[in-house]
C-alpha atoms as a PDB file:
ATOM      1  CA  MET A   1      -2.743  -8.470 -45.065  1.00  0.00           C
ATOM      2  CA  ALA A   2      -1.574  -9.787 -41.663  1.00  0.00           C
ATOM      3  CA  GLU A   3      -2.289 -13.431 -40.837  1.00  0.00           C
ATOM      4  CA  ASN A   4      -3.739 -11.765 -37.777  1.00  0.00           C
ATOM      5  CA  ASP A   5      -5.263  -9.230 -39.399  1.00  0.00           C
ATOM      6  CA  ASN A   6      -8.614  -9.293 -38.010  1.00  0.00           C
ATOM      7  CA  GLN A   7      -7.603  -9.527 -33.943  1.00  0.00           C
ATOM      8  CA  GLY A   8      -9.304  -7.082 -31.719  1.00  0.00           C
ATOM      9  CA  TYR A   9     -12.493  -6.826 -34.278  1.00  0.00           C
ATOM     10  CA  PRO A  10     -15.873  -8.350 -34.524  1.00  0.00           C
ATOM     11  CA  PRO A  11     -16.647 -11.014 -37.112  1.00  0.00           C
ATOM     12  CA  VAL A  12     -18.244  -8.972 -40.073  1.00  0.00           C
ATOM     13  CA  GLU A  13     -20.770 -10.744 -42.225  1.00  0.00           C
ATOM     14  CA  PRO A  14     -18.553  -9.621 -45.651  1.00  0.00           C
ATOM     15  CA  ILE A  15     -21.796 -10.030 -48.074  1.00  0.00           C
ATOM     16  CA  GLY A  16     -23.668  -7.417 -45.790  1.00  0.00           C
ATOM     17  CA  ALA A  17     -20.736  -5.244 -45.182  1.00  0.00           C
ATOM     18  CA  GLY A  18     -20.522  -5.184 -49.283  1.00  0.00           C
ATOM     19  CA  LEU A  19     -23.792  -4.437 -49.571  1.00  0.00           C
ATOM     20  CA  ARG A  20     -23.916  -1.030 -47.223  1.00  0.00           C
ATOM     21  CA  GLY A  21     -20.696  -0.410 -48.999  1.00  0.00           C
ATOM     22  CA  ARG A  22     -18.555  -0.563 -45.322  1.00  0.00           C
ATOM     23  CA  CYS A  23     -15.003  -2.128 -44.522  1.00  0.00           C
ATOM     24  CA  PRO A  24     -15.159  -5.656 -44.261  1.00  0.00           C
ATOM     25  CA  ARG A  25     -12.585  -6.051 -41.304  1.00  0.00           C
ATOM     26  CA  CYS A  26     -14.605  -3.782 -38.816  1.00  0.00           C
ATOM     27  CA  GLY A  27     -17.772  -3.322 -40.558  1.00  0.00           C
ATOM     28  CA  LYS A  28     -17.871   0.359 -40.109  1.00  0.00           C
ATOM     29  CA  GLY A  29     -16.297   2.957 -42.066  1.00  0.00           C
ATOM     30  CA  ARG A  30     -16.538   4.261 -45.361  1.00  0.00           C
ATOM     31  CA  LEU A  31     -15.181   1.652 -48.360  1.00  0.00           C
ATOM     32  CA  PHE A  32     -16.448   3.870 -50.780  1.00  0.00           C
ATOM     33  CA  SER A  33     -14.466   7.577 -50.847  1.00  0.00           C
ATOM     34  CA  GLY A  34     -17.305   8.059 -54.701  1.00  0.00           C
ATOM     35  CA  LEU A  35     -19.846   6.561 -56.606  1.00  0.00           C
ATOM     36  CA  LEU A  36     -17.648   3.775 -57.691  1.00  0.00           C
ATOM     37  CA  ALA A  37     -14.391   4.103 -56.305  1.00  0.00           C
ATOM     38  CA  ILE A  38     -12.861   2.607 -52.801  1.00  0.00           C
ATOM     39  CA  ALA A  39     -11.603   4.945 -50.421  1.00  0.00           C
ATOM     40  CA  PRO A  40      -8.044   4.733 -49.633  1.00  0.00           C
ATOM     41  CA  GLU A  41      -8.460   3.508 -46.089  1.00  0.00           C
ATOM     42  CA  CYS A  42     -10.783   2.778 -43.418  1.00  0.00           C
ATOM     43  CA  GLY A  43     -11.593   6.015 -41.491  1.00  0.00           C
ATOM     44  CA  ASP A  44     -12.503   3.477 -38.372  1.00  0.00           C
ATOM     45  CA  CYS A  45      -9.948   1.003 -38.355  1.00  0.00           C
ATOM     46  CA  ARG A  46      -7.370   2.541 -40.947  1.00  0.00           C
ATOM     47  CA  LEU A  47      -6.873  -0.761 -42.593  1.00  0.00           C
ATOM     48  CA  ASP A  48      -5.365  -0.099 -46.107  1.00  0.00           C
ATOM     49  CA  PHE A  49      -7.579  -0.989 -48.839  1.00  0.00           C
ATOM     50  CA  GLY A  50      -4.801  -1.363 -51.233  1.00  0.00           C
ATOM     51  CA  PHE A  51      -6.289  -5.182 -52.043  1.00  0.00           C
ATOM     52  CA  ALA A  52      -8.682  -4.153 -53.270  1.00  0.00           C
ATOM     53  CA  ASP A  53      -8.906  -5.013 -56.948  1.00  0.00           C
ATOM     54  CA  ALA A  54     -12.690  -5.978 -57.741  1.00  0.00           C
ATOM     55  CA  GLY A  55     -10.603  -5.816 -61.830  1.00  0.00           C
ATOM     56  CA  ASP A  56     -13.745  -6.323 -64.752  1.00  0.00           C
ATOM     57  CA  GLY A  57     -15.903  -8.626 -62.573  1.00  0.00           C
ATOM     58  CA  PRO A  58     -18.802  -6.514 -61.286  1.00  0.00           C
ATOM     59  CA  ALA A  59     -18.797  -5.199 -64.764  1.00  0.00           C
ATOM     60  CA  VAL A  60     -19.284  -8.637 -66.130  1.00  0.00           C
ATOM     61  CA  PHE A  61     -22.173  -9.529 -63.932  1.00  0.00           C
ATOM     62  CA  VAL A  62     -24.093  -6.272 -63.872  1.00  0.00           C
ATOM     63  CA  ILE A  63     -24.229  -6.659 -67.529  1.00  0.00           C
ATOM     64  CA  LEU A  64     -25.358 -10.169 -67.601  1.00  0.00           C
ATOM     65  CA  ILE A  65     -28.099  -8.950 -64.877  1.00  0.00           C
ATOM     66  CA  VAL A  66     -29.433  -6.100 -65.763  1.00  0.00           C
ATOM     67  CA  GLY A  67     -29.295  -7.038 -69.621  1.00  0.00           C
ATOM     68  CA  PHE A  68     -31.481 -10.224 -68.994  1.00  0.00           C
ATOM     69  CA  ILE A  69     -33.835  -7.774 -66.403  1.00  0.00           C
ATOM     70  CA  VAL A  70     -33.774  -4.936 -69.830  1.00  0.00           C
ATOM     71  CA  VAL A  71     -34.133  -7.087 -72.630  1.00  0.00           C
ATOM     72  CA  GLY A  72     -36.942  -9.924 -70.505  1.00  0.00           C
ATOM     73  CA  LEU A  73     -38.825  -6.305 -69.740  1.00  0.00           C
ATOM     74  CA  ALA A  74     -38.967  -4.803 -73.409  1.00  0.00           C
ATOM     75  CA  LEU A  75     -39.434  -8.535 -75.006  1.00  0.00           C
ATOM     76  CA  TRP A  76     -42.576  -8.768 -73.226  1.00  0.00           C
ATOM     77  CA  MET A  77     -43.701  -5.174 -73.593  1.00  0.00           C
ATOM     78  CA  GLU A  78     -43.256  -4.643 -77.236  1.00  0.00           C
ATOM     79  CA  VAL A  79     -44.986  -8.207 -77.608  1.00  0.00           C
ATOM     80  CA  SER A  80     -47.923  -7.960 -75.019  1.00  0.00           C
ATOM     81  CA  LEU A  81     -49.018  -3.883 -76.101  1.00  0.00           C
ATOM     82  CA  GLY A  82     -47.024  -2.909 -79.420  1.00  0.00           C
ATOM     83  CA  PRO A  83     -46.207   0.394 -77.805  1.00  0.00           C
ATOM     84  CA  PRO A  84     -43.965   3.370 -80.810  1.00  0.00           C
ATOM     85  CA  LEU A  85     -40.082   3.319 -80.266  1.00  0.00           C
ATOM     86  CA  TRP A  86     -39.773   6.030 -78.981  1.00  0.00           C
ATOM     87  CA  LEU A  87     -41.453   4.361 -75.372  1.00  0.00           C
ATOM     88  CA  HIS A  88     -38.839   1.564 -75.377  1.00  0.00           C
ATOM     89  CA  PHE A  89     -36.268   4.371 -75.567  1.00  0.00           C
ATOM     90  CA  LEU A  90     -38.078   6.921 -73.160  1.00  0.00           C
ATOM     91  CA  LEU A  91     -37.866   4.023 -70.728  1.00  0.00           C
ATOM     92  CA  TRP A  92     -35.372   1.439 -71.144  1.00  0.00           C
ATOM     93  CA  ILE A  93     -32.234   3.295 -71.382  1.00  0.00           C
ATOM     94  CA  PRO A  94     -32.717   5.493 -68.559  1.00  0.00           C
ATOM     95  CA  LEU A  95     -33.463   2.011 -66.865  1.00  0.00           C
ATOM     96  CA  THR A  96     -30.580   0.576 -68.109  1.00  0.00           C
ATOM     97  CA  VAL A  97     -28.344   3.316 -66.584  1.00  0.00           C
ATOM     98  CA  LEU A  98     -30.015   3.145 -63.384  1.00  0.00           C
ATOM     99  CA  LEU A  99     -29.819  -0.494 -62.907  1.00  0.00           C
ATOM    100  CA  SER A 100     -26.963  -0.384 -63.932  1.00  0.00           C
ATOM    101  CA  LEU A 101     -25.655   1.881 -61.744  1.00  0.00           C
ATOM    102  CA  GLY A 102     -27.074   0.746 -58.348  1.00  0.00           C
ATOM    103  CA  ALA A 103     -25.707  -2.844 -58.982  1.00  0.00           C
ATOM    104  CA  LEU A 104     -22.659  -1.952 -59.872  1.00  0.00           C
ATOM    105  CA  ARG A 105     -21.711   0.153 -56.508  1.00  0.00           C
ATOM    106  CA  LEU A 106     -23.240  -3.243 -54.766  1.00  0.00           C
ATOM    107  CA  VAL A 107     -21.789  -6.056 -56.825  1.00  0.00           C
ATOM    108  CA  LYS A 108     -18.576  -4.282 -56.425  1.00  0.00           C
ATOM    109  CA  GLY A 109     -19.240  -3.903 -52.864  1.00  0.00           C
ATOM    110  CA  VAL A 110     -19.489  -7.364 -52.251  1.00  0.00           C
ATOM    111  CA  LEU A 111     -16.555  -8.358 -54.291  1.00  0.00           C
ATOM    112  CA  VAL A 112     -14.016  -6.421 -52.382  1.00  0.00           C
ATOM    113  CA  THR A 113     -14.942  -7.853 -49.091  1.00  0.00           C
ATOM    114  CA  LEU A 114     -15.025 -11.450 -49.897  1.00  0.00           C
ATOM    115  CA  GLN A 115     -11.741 -10.659 -51.738  1.00  0.00           C
ATOM    116  CA  TYR A 116     -10.776  -9.430 -47.992  1.00  0.00           C
ATOM    117  CA  ALA A 117     -12.509 -12.412 -46.590  1.00  0.00           C
ATOM    118  CA  ASN A 118     -11.553 -15.169 -48.313  1.00  0.00           C
ATOM    119  CA  LYS A 119      -7.604 -13.293 -48.634  1.00  0.00           C
ATOM    120  CA  ALA A 120      -7.243 -13.568 -52.348  1.00  0.00           C
ATOM    121  CA  ALA A 121      -5.014 -10.915 -52.987  1.00  0.00           C
ATOM    122  CA  GLU A 122      -2.455 -12.449 -50.018  1.00  0.00           C
ATOM    123  CA  GLY A 123      -0.541 -13.591 -53.296  1.00  0.00           C
ATOM    124  CA  ARG A 124      -0.545 -10.612 -55.241  1.00  0.00           C
ATOM    125  CA  LEU A 125       0.669  -8.797 -52.427  1.00  0.00           C
ATOM    126  CA  ASP A 126       3.660 -10.776 -51.342  1.00  0.00           C
ATOM    127  CA  ARG A 127       5.123 -10.341 -54.618  1.00  0.00           C
END
């Protein structure tokens, strides 16, 4: 990333852009080309997303957050209502999958836009 990379573009709030799945430089182009796949470049400002490497960070955050929510709700339901085991499976497995996929996209978008805003990839690209 060049030092004057943002020249001519208004400042973009990285967390908002990440949650909306938008380009971290212009705030308009799409960050994702699929559900979780990062696009090769922005369709509007042509920023190369080659710097984007969120790694396992999004998965770790999602596991901790979704696990806390689902396990807490399952324990509360078991203690309060004592439903049969099949009902637990029917409720918590689909909920875990849906929450995980939705949250993974949001967290990955935020981490990539924060990586761009904080110039976290510059040292890696100079090698």
